[in-house]
Amino acid sequence: MAKLEQTLTGNFDEILQRIEEGILNGSVSASMEDSSDFWSGDARCSVRVFERYSYAGSNRVSLNVTLFQNGTDAIQLSAITSGGSQAVFFKINTWGEEAFLEKLREIL
């Protein structure tokens, strides 16, 4: 598992769209598995779950991206990857997870 947390400034919708398009166009095997959007008063939260095939790990890895903003405050991003290990009891070969998260870093 790999994790990235950042504080972003800008337009929430534009950042979300840039992430979606960047991930989906960044790999021929990338897909958006599901999404969810919440609003409460001035607060907003969007969750996106992406998946792609990892050639390095010969398996599929997922990327969960959460954006949160309260009113006009800065946007909080949390991104967590999973699924890149091939071992039964402990994690080995997490290159695919790191590579997926690196793609998001490039987009941001």
Protein backbone atom coordinates (compact mmCIF):
# COMPACT_ATOMS: atom_id res chain seq x y z
CA MET A 1 0.00 0.00 0.00
CA ALA A 2 1.22 3.48 -0.84
CA LYS A 3 -0.34 6.76 0.26
CA LEU A 4 -0.21 10.40 -0.82
CA GLU A 5 -1.80 13.28 1.08
CA GLN A 6 -1.67 16.86 -0.17
CA THR A 7 -3.32 20.22 0.28
CA LEU A 8 -4.30 21.74 -3.08
CA THR A 9 -5.55 25.11 -4.23
CA GLY A 10 -7.71 25.72 -7.25
CA ASN A 11 -11.11 24.84 -8.59
CA PHE A 12 -12.46 21.58 -7.09
CA ASP A 13 -14.23 20.48 -10.30
CA GLU A 14 -11.20 21.23 -12.49
CA ILE A 15 -8.84 19.30 -10.20
CA LEU A 16 -11.23 16.34 -10.07
CA GLN A 17 -11.59 16.34 -13.86
CA ARG A 18 -7.81 16.58 -14.34
CA ILE A 19 -7.32 13.58 -12.03
CA GLU A 20 -10.01 11.49 -13.75
CA GLU A 21 -8.78 12.23 -17.27
CA GLY A 22 -5.12 11.91 -16.34
CA ILE A 23 -5.52 8.50 -14.73
CA LEU A 24 -7.83 7.11 -17.42
CA ASN A 25 -5.67 8.42 -20.28
CA GLY A 26 -2.42 7.46 -18.55
CA SER A 27 -2.77 3.70 -19.00
CA VAL A 28 -4.52 1.57 -21.60
CA SER A 29 -5.78 -0.74 -18.83
CA ALA A 30 -6.99 1.99 -16.44
CA SER A 31 -10.66 2.15 -15.53
CA MET A 32 -12.81 4.00 -13.04
CA GLU A 33 -14.46 1.29 -10.97
CA ASP A 34 -16.82 3.55 -9.02
CA SER A 35 -17.34 7.08 -7.76
CA SER A 36 -19.21 8.88 -5.03
CA ASP A 37 -19.93 12.55 -4.33
CA PHE A 38 -21.23 14.11 -1.11
CA TRP A 39 -22.26 17.62 -0.15
CA SER A 40 -23.17 18.92 3.31
CA GLY A 41 -23.70 22.64 3.58
CA ASP A 42 -20.55 24.21 2.13
CA ALA A 43 -18.51 21.00 2.46
CA ARG A 44 -17.90 18.68 -0.48
CA CYS A 45 -16.28 15.26 -0.77
CA SER A 46 -15.60 13.23 -3.92
CA VAL A 47 -14.26 9.68 -3.97
CA ARG A 48 -12.93 7.90 -7.06
CA VAL A 49 -11.71 4.31 -7.29
CA PHE A 50 -9.49 3.48 -10.24
CA GLU A 51 -7.92 0.18 -11.28
CA ARG A 52 -5.25 -0.79 -13.76
CA TYR A 53 -3.05 -3.71 -14.71
CA SER A 54 0.51 -3.61 -13.38
CA TYR A 55 3.02 -5.18 -15.74
CA ALA A 56 5.69 -4.98 -13.02
CA GLY A 57 3.61 -7.04 -10.61
CA SER A 58 1.61 -9.05 -13.15
CA ASN A 59 -1.60 -8.15 -11.30
CA ARG A 60 -4.21 -5.40 -10.98
CA VAL A 61 -3.80 -2.51 -8.56
CA SER A 62 -6.37 0.00 -7.34
CA LEU A 63 -6.12 3.69 -6.53
CA ASN A 64 -8.63 5.37 -4.23
CA VAL A 65 -8.66 9.17 -4.53
CA THR A 66 -10.60 11.36 -2.08
CA LEU A 67 -10.97 15.12 -2.44
CA PHE A 68 -12.50 17.19 0.36
CA GLN A 69 -13.21 20.91 0.58
CA ASN A 70 -15.08 22.93 3.18
CA GLY A 71 -16.41 26.13 1.66
CA THR A 72 -13.53 28.07 0.13
CA ASP A 73 -10.85 26.37 2.24
CA ALA A 74 -7.99 24.54 0.55
CA ILE A 75 -8.78 21.17 -1.03
CA GLN A 76 -7.54 18.12 0.85
CA LEU A 77 -6.46 15.11 -1.21
CA SER A 78 -5.91 11.59 0.08
CA ALA A 79 -4.84 8.87 -2.37
CA ILE A 80 -4.22 5.25 -1.37
CA THR A 81 -3.20 2.34 -3.59
CA SER A 82 -3.68 -1.35 -2.89
CA GLY A 83 -3.57 -4.77 -4.50
CA GLY A 84 0.00 -4.78 -5.76
CA SER A 85 1.34 -7.63 -3.66
CA GLN A 86 1.68 -11.24 -4.74
CA ALA A 87 2.40 -12.77 -1.32
CA VAL A 88 -0.12 -14.56 0.89
CA PHE A 89 0.90 -13.36 4.37
CA PHE A 90 3.04 -10.25 3.79
CA LYS A 91 3.52 -7.60 1.12
CA ILE A 92 6.18 -8.01 -1.51
CA ASN A 93 6.51 -6.52 -4.97
CA THR A 94 4.56 -3.29 -4.46
CA TRP A 95 6.11 -1.62 -7.53
CA GLY A 96 2.75 -1.43 -9.29
CA GLU A 97 1.18 0.46 -6.38
CA GLU A 98 4.05 2.96 -6.28
CA ALA A 99 3.90 3.45 -10.06
CA PHE A 100 0.14 4.10 -9.94
CA LEU A 101 0.60 6.70 -7.22
CA GLU A 102 3.48 8.27 -9.14
CA LYS A 103 1.12 8.80 -12.10
CA LEU A 104 -1.18 10.79 -9.81
CA ARG A 105 1.78 12.86 -8.57
CA GLU A 106 2.59 13.74 -12.21
CA ILE A 107 -1.02 14.82 -12.81
CA LEU A 108 -1.06 17.04 -9.74
